[in-house]
Amino acid sequence: MNCENPETITKLINHVITSPDLTGRCTAQEASNMLLSLGRLEIRDREAFAALTQILVRRLNEAHAVDSQTIANSLWAYDAV
């Protein structure tokens, strides 16, 4: 799947990952959804993938914060790009 304006998606995701307040409030599911979006749109943004993965890793210690679908979506995104 291609996106007519991938810069917009990348810009929005970069806004989240560069804002300490937004990064701190970002849930594992939200990070996973952003990763999935990047993967589906075939956007290869190493910085975004790394930052979103860090959010997921931080959330692993929270009870019920990361479910199997969240992990599956994230892994799919990595495989897609």
N, C-alpha and C. Protein backbone atom coordinates (compact mmCIF):
# COMPACT_ATOMS: atom_id res chain seq x y z
N MET A 1 0.85 -1.17 0.00
CA MET A 1 0.00 0.00 0.00
C MET A 1 0.89 1.23 0.00
N ASN A 2 0.56 2.18 -0.81
CA ASN A 2 1.32 3.41 -0.87
C ASN A 2 0.49 4.56 -0.33
N CYS A 3 1.16 5.56 0.15
CA CYS A 3 0.53 6.75 0.70
C CYS A 3 0.89 7.92 -0.20
N GLU A 4 -0.11 8.75 -0.53
CA GLU A 4 0.16 9.89 -1.38
C GLU A 4 1.10 10.89 -0.73
N ASN A 5 1.04 10.99 0.58
CA ASN A 5 1.85 11.98 1.29
C ASN A 5 2.46 11.35 2.55
N PRO A 6 3.45 10.47 2.40
CA PRO A 6 4.04 9.82 3.57
C PRO A 6 4.71 10.80 4.53
N GLU A 7 5.09 11.96 4.02
CA GLU A 7 5.73 12.95 4.89
C GLU A 7 4.80 13.40 6.02
N THR A 8 3.50 13.45 5.73
CA THR A 8 2.53 13.86 6.75
C THR A 8 2.48 12.84 7.88
N ILE A 9 2.43 11.57 7.52
CA ILE A 9 2.40 10.51 8.52
C ILE A 9 3.68 10.54 9.35
N THR A 10 4.81 10.63 8.68
CA THR A 10 6.10 10.67 9.36
C THR A 10 6.19 11.90 10.27
N LYS A 11 5.70 13.02 9.80
CA LYS A 11 5.74 14.25 10.58
C LYS A 11 4.90 14.12 11.86
N LEU A 12 3.73 13.53 11.74
CA LEU A 12 2.86 13.34 12.91
C LEU A 12 3.49 12.39 13.92
N ILE A 13 4.03 11.28 13.43
CA ILE A 13 4.66 10.32 14.33
C ILE A 13 5.91 10.92 14.96
N ASN A 14 6.69 11.67 14.20
CA ASN A 14 7.87 12.31 14.77
C ASN A 14 7.49 13.35 15.82
N HIS A 15 6.34 13.98 15.65
CA HIS A 15 5.87 14.93 16.67
C HIS A 15 5.63 14.19 17.99
N VAL A 16 5.03 13.01 17.90
CA VAL A 16 4.76 12.22 19.11
C VAL A 16 6.06 11.78 19.76
N ILE A 17 7.00 11.27 18.96
CA ILE A 17 8.20 10.69 19.56
C ILE A 17 9.22 11.73 20.01
N THR A 18 9.04 12.98 19.60
CA THR A 18 9.96 14.02 20.05
C THR A 18 9.37 14.90 21.16
N SER A 19 8.13 14.66 21.50
CA SER A 19 7.49 15.41 22.58
C SER A 19 7.49 14.55 23.84
N PRO A 20 8.27 14.94 24.86
CA PRO A 20 8.33 14.13 26.08
C PRO A 20 6.95 13.87 26.70
N ASP A 21 6.08 14.87 26.64
CA ASP A 21 4.74 14.69 27.21
C ASP A 21 3.96 13.63 26.44
N LEU A 22 3.97 13.71 25.12
CA LEU A 22 3.24 12.73 24.31
C LEU A 22 3.86 11.35 24.39
N THR A 23 5.18 11.30 24.38
CA THR A 23 5.86 10.01 24.50
C THR A 23 5.53 9.35 25.84
N GLY A 24 5.50 10.15 26.89
CA GLY A 24 5.19 9.62 28.21
C GLY A 24 3.77 9.11 28.35
N ARG A 25 2.86 9.69 27.58
CA ARG A 25 1.45 9.27 27.66
C ARG A 25 1.08 8.22 26.62
N CYS A 26 1.97 7.97 25.68
CA CYS A 26 1.68 7.03 24.59
C CYS A 26 1.57 5.61 25.14
N THR A 27 0.46 4.95 24.82
CA THR A 27 0.27 3.58 25.28
C THR A 27 0.96 2.61 24.34
N ALA A 28 1.09 1.38 24.80
CA ALA A 28 1.68 0.34 23.95
C ALA A 28 0.85 0.14 22.69
N GLN A 29 -0.45 0.17 22.83
CA GLN A 29 -1.32 -0.02 21.66
C GLN A 29 -1.16 1.13 20.67
N GLU A 30 -1.06 2.35 21.17
CA GLU A 30 -0.86 3.49 20.27
C GLU A 30 0.48 3.38 19.54
N ALA A 31 1.52 3.01 20.26
CA ALA A 31 2.83 2.84 19.63
C ALA A 31 2.77 1.73 18.58
N SER A 32 2.10 0.64 18.92
CA SER A 32 1.95 -0.47 17.99
C SER A 32 1.16 -0.05 16.75
N ASN A 33 0.11 0.73 16.95
CA ASN A 33 -0.69 1.20 15.81
C ASN A 33 0.13 2.10 14.89
N MET A 34 0.98 2.93 15.49
CA MET A 34 1.84 3.79 14.66
C MET A 34 2.85 2.94 13.89
N LEU A 35 3.42 1.93 14.55
CA LEU A 35 4.34 1.03 13.85
C LEU A 35 3.62 0.32 12.71
N LEU A 36 2.42 -0.15 12.98
CA LEU A 36 1.65 -0.85 11.96
C LEU A 36 1.37 0.07 10.77
N SER A 37 1.04 1.32 11.05
CA SER A 37 0.79 2.29 9.98
C SER A 37 2.04 2.50 9.13
N LEU A 38 3.17 2.66 9.79
CA LEU A 38 4.42 2.82 9.05
C LEU A 38 4.68 1.60 8.17
N GLY A 39 4.47 0.43 8.73
CA GLY A 39 4.69 -0.81 7.98
C GLY A 39 3.76 -0.95 6.79
N ARG A 40 2.48 -0.71 7.01
CA ARG A 40 1.49 -0.85 5.93
C ARG A 40 1.74 0.15 4.80
N LEU A 41 2.22 1.33 5.17
CA LEU A 41 2.49 2.35 4.17
C LEU A 41 3.91 2.27 3.62
N GLU A 42 4.65 1.25 4.08
CA GLU A 42 6.02 1.01 3.63
C GLU A 42 6.92 2.23 3.84
N ILE A 43 6.74 2.86 4.99
CA ILE A 43 7.56 4.02 5.35
C ILE A 43 8.70 3.51 6.24
N ARG A 44 9.91 3.65 5.76
CA ARG A 44 11.09 3.17 6.49
C ARG A 44 11.73 4.33 7.24
N ASP A 45 11.33 4.48 8.48
CA ASP A 45 11.85 5.57 9.31
C ASP A 45 12.48 4.93 10.54
N ARG A 46 13.79 4.74 10.48
CA ARG A 46 14.50 4.03 11.56
C ARG A 46 14.32 4.70 12.91
N GLU A 47 14.39 6.02 12.93
CA GLU A 47 14.25 6.77 14.18
C GLU A 47 12.87 6.53 14.79
N ALA A 48 11.84 6.59 13.97
CA ALA A 48 10.48 6.37 14.47
C ALA A 48 10.31 4.94 14.98
N PHE A 49 10.80 3.96 14.22
CA PHE A 49 10.70 2.57 14.65
C PHE A 49 11.41 2.37 15.99
N ALA A 50 12.60 2.94 16.12
CA ALA A 50 13.36 2.79 17.37
C ALA A 50 12.64 3.43 18.54
N ALA A 51 12.14 4.64 18.36
CA ALA A 51 11.47 5.35 19.45
C ALA A 51 10.17 4.65 19.85
N LEU A 52 9.40 4.20 18.87
CA LEU A 52 8.14 3.51 19.18
C LEU A 52 8.40 2.17 19.85
N THR A 53 9.46 1.50 19.45
CA THR A 53 9.83 0.24 20.09
C THR A 53 10.25 0.48 21.54
N GLN A 54 10.95 1.58 21.80
CA GLN A 54 11.32 1.92 23.18
C GLN A 54 10.08 2.13 24.04
N ILE A 55 9.06 2.75 23.48
CA ILE A 55 7.80 2.93 24.22
C ILE A 55 7.21 1.56 24.57
N LEU A 56 7.19 0.66 23.60
CA LEU A 56 6.66 -0.69 23.86
C LEU A 56 7.44 -1.40 24.95
N VAL A 57 8.75 -1.31 24.88
CA VAL A 57 9.60 -1.97 25.88
C VAL A 57 9.33 -1.41 27.27
N ARG A 58 9.21 -0.08 27.37
CA ARG A 58 8.91 0.53 28.67
C ARG A 58 7.56 0.06 29.22
N ARG A 59 6.61 -0.15 28.34
CA ARG A 59 5.27 -0.54 28.76
C ARG A 59 5.17 -2.03 29.12
N LEU A 60 6.17 -2.82 28.77
CA LEU A 60 6.12 -4.25 29.07
C LEU A 60 5.98 -4.54 30.55
N ASN A 61 6.51 -3.65 31.38
CA ASN A 61 6.46 -3.87 32.82
C ASN A 61 5.12 -3.50 33.45
N GLU A 62 4.27 -2.85 32.69
CA GLU A 62 2.97 -2.46 33.22
C GLU A 62 1.96 -3.60 33.01
N ALA A 63 1.20 -3.89 34.04
CA ALA A 63 0.23 -4.97 33.95
C ALA A 63 -0.78 -4.72 32.84
N HIS A 64 -0.95 -5.69 32.00
CA HIS A 64 -1.95 -5.67 30.92
C HIS A 64 -1.74 -4.55 29.91
N ALA A 65 -0.58 -3.95 29.87
CA ALA A 65 -0.33 -2.85 28.94
C ALA A 65 -0.04 -3.35 27.53
N VAL A 66 0.50 -4.54 27.43
CA VAL A 66 0.88 -5.08 26.12
C VAL A 66 0.21 -6.44 25.95
N ASP A 67 -0.63 -6.54 24.93
CA ASP A 67 -1.26 -7.83 24.67
C ASP A 67 -0.66 -8.46 23.41
N SER A 68 -1.10 -9.65 23.10
CA SER A 68 -0.51 -10.39 21.98
C SER A 68 -0.74 -9.67 20.65
N GLN A 69 -1.88 -9.01 20.48
CA GLN A 69 -2.14 -8.29 19.23
C GLN A 69 -1.19 -7.12 19.05
N THR A 70 -0.89 -6.43 20.14
CA THR A 70 0.06 -5.32 20.09
C THR A 70 1.43 -5.80 19.64
N ILE A 71 1.86 -6.92 20.19
CA ILE A 71 3.16 -7.48 19.83
C ILE A 71 3.14 -7.96 18.38
N ALA A 72 2.06 -8.63 17.98
CA ALA A 72 1.95 -9.13 16.61
C ALA A 72 1.97 -7.99 15.60
N ASN A 73 1.24 -6.91 15.87
CA ASN A 73 1.23 -5.77 14.95
C ASN A 73 2.62 -5.17 14.81
N SER A 74 3.32 -5.06 15.92
CA SER A 74 4.67 -4.48 15.90
C SER A 74 5.63 -5.35 15.11
N LEU A 75 5.57 -6.65 15.33
CA LEU A 75 6.44 -7.56 14.59
C LEU A 75 6.12 -7.54 13.10
N TRP A 76 4.83 -7.47 12.76
CA TRP A 76 4.44 -7.40 11.36
C TRP A 76 5.03 -6.15 10.71
N ALA A 77 4.97 -5.03 11.42
CA ALA A 77 5.50 -3.77 10.88
C ALA A 77 6.98 -3.89 10.56
N TYR A 78 7.73 -4.49 11.46
CA TYR A 78 9.17 -4.67 11.23
C TYR A 78 9.41 -5.57 10.01
N ASP A 79 8.61 -6.60 9.90
CA ASP A 79 8.76 -7.51 8.77
C ASP A 79 8.39 -6.85 7.44
N ALA A 80 7.44 -5.93 7.50
CA ALA A 80 6.94 -5.28 6.27
C ALA A 80 7.96 -4.34 5.66
N VAL A 81 8.78 -3.75 6.49
CA VAL A 81 9.75 -2.79 5.95
C VAL A 81 11.15 -3.36 6.06
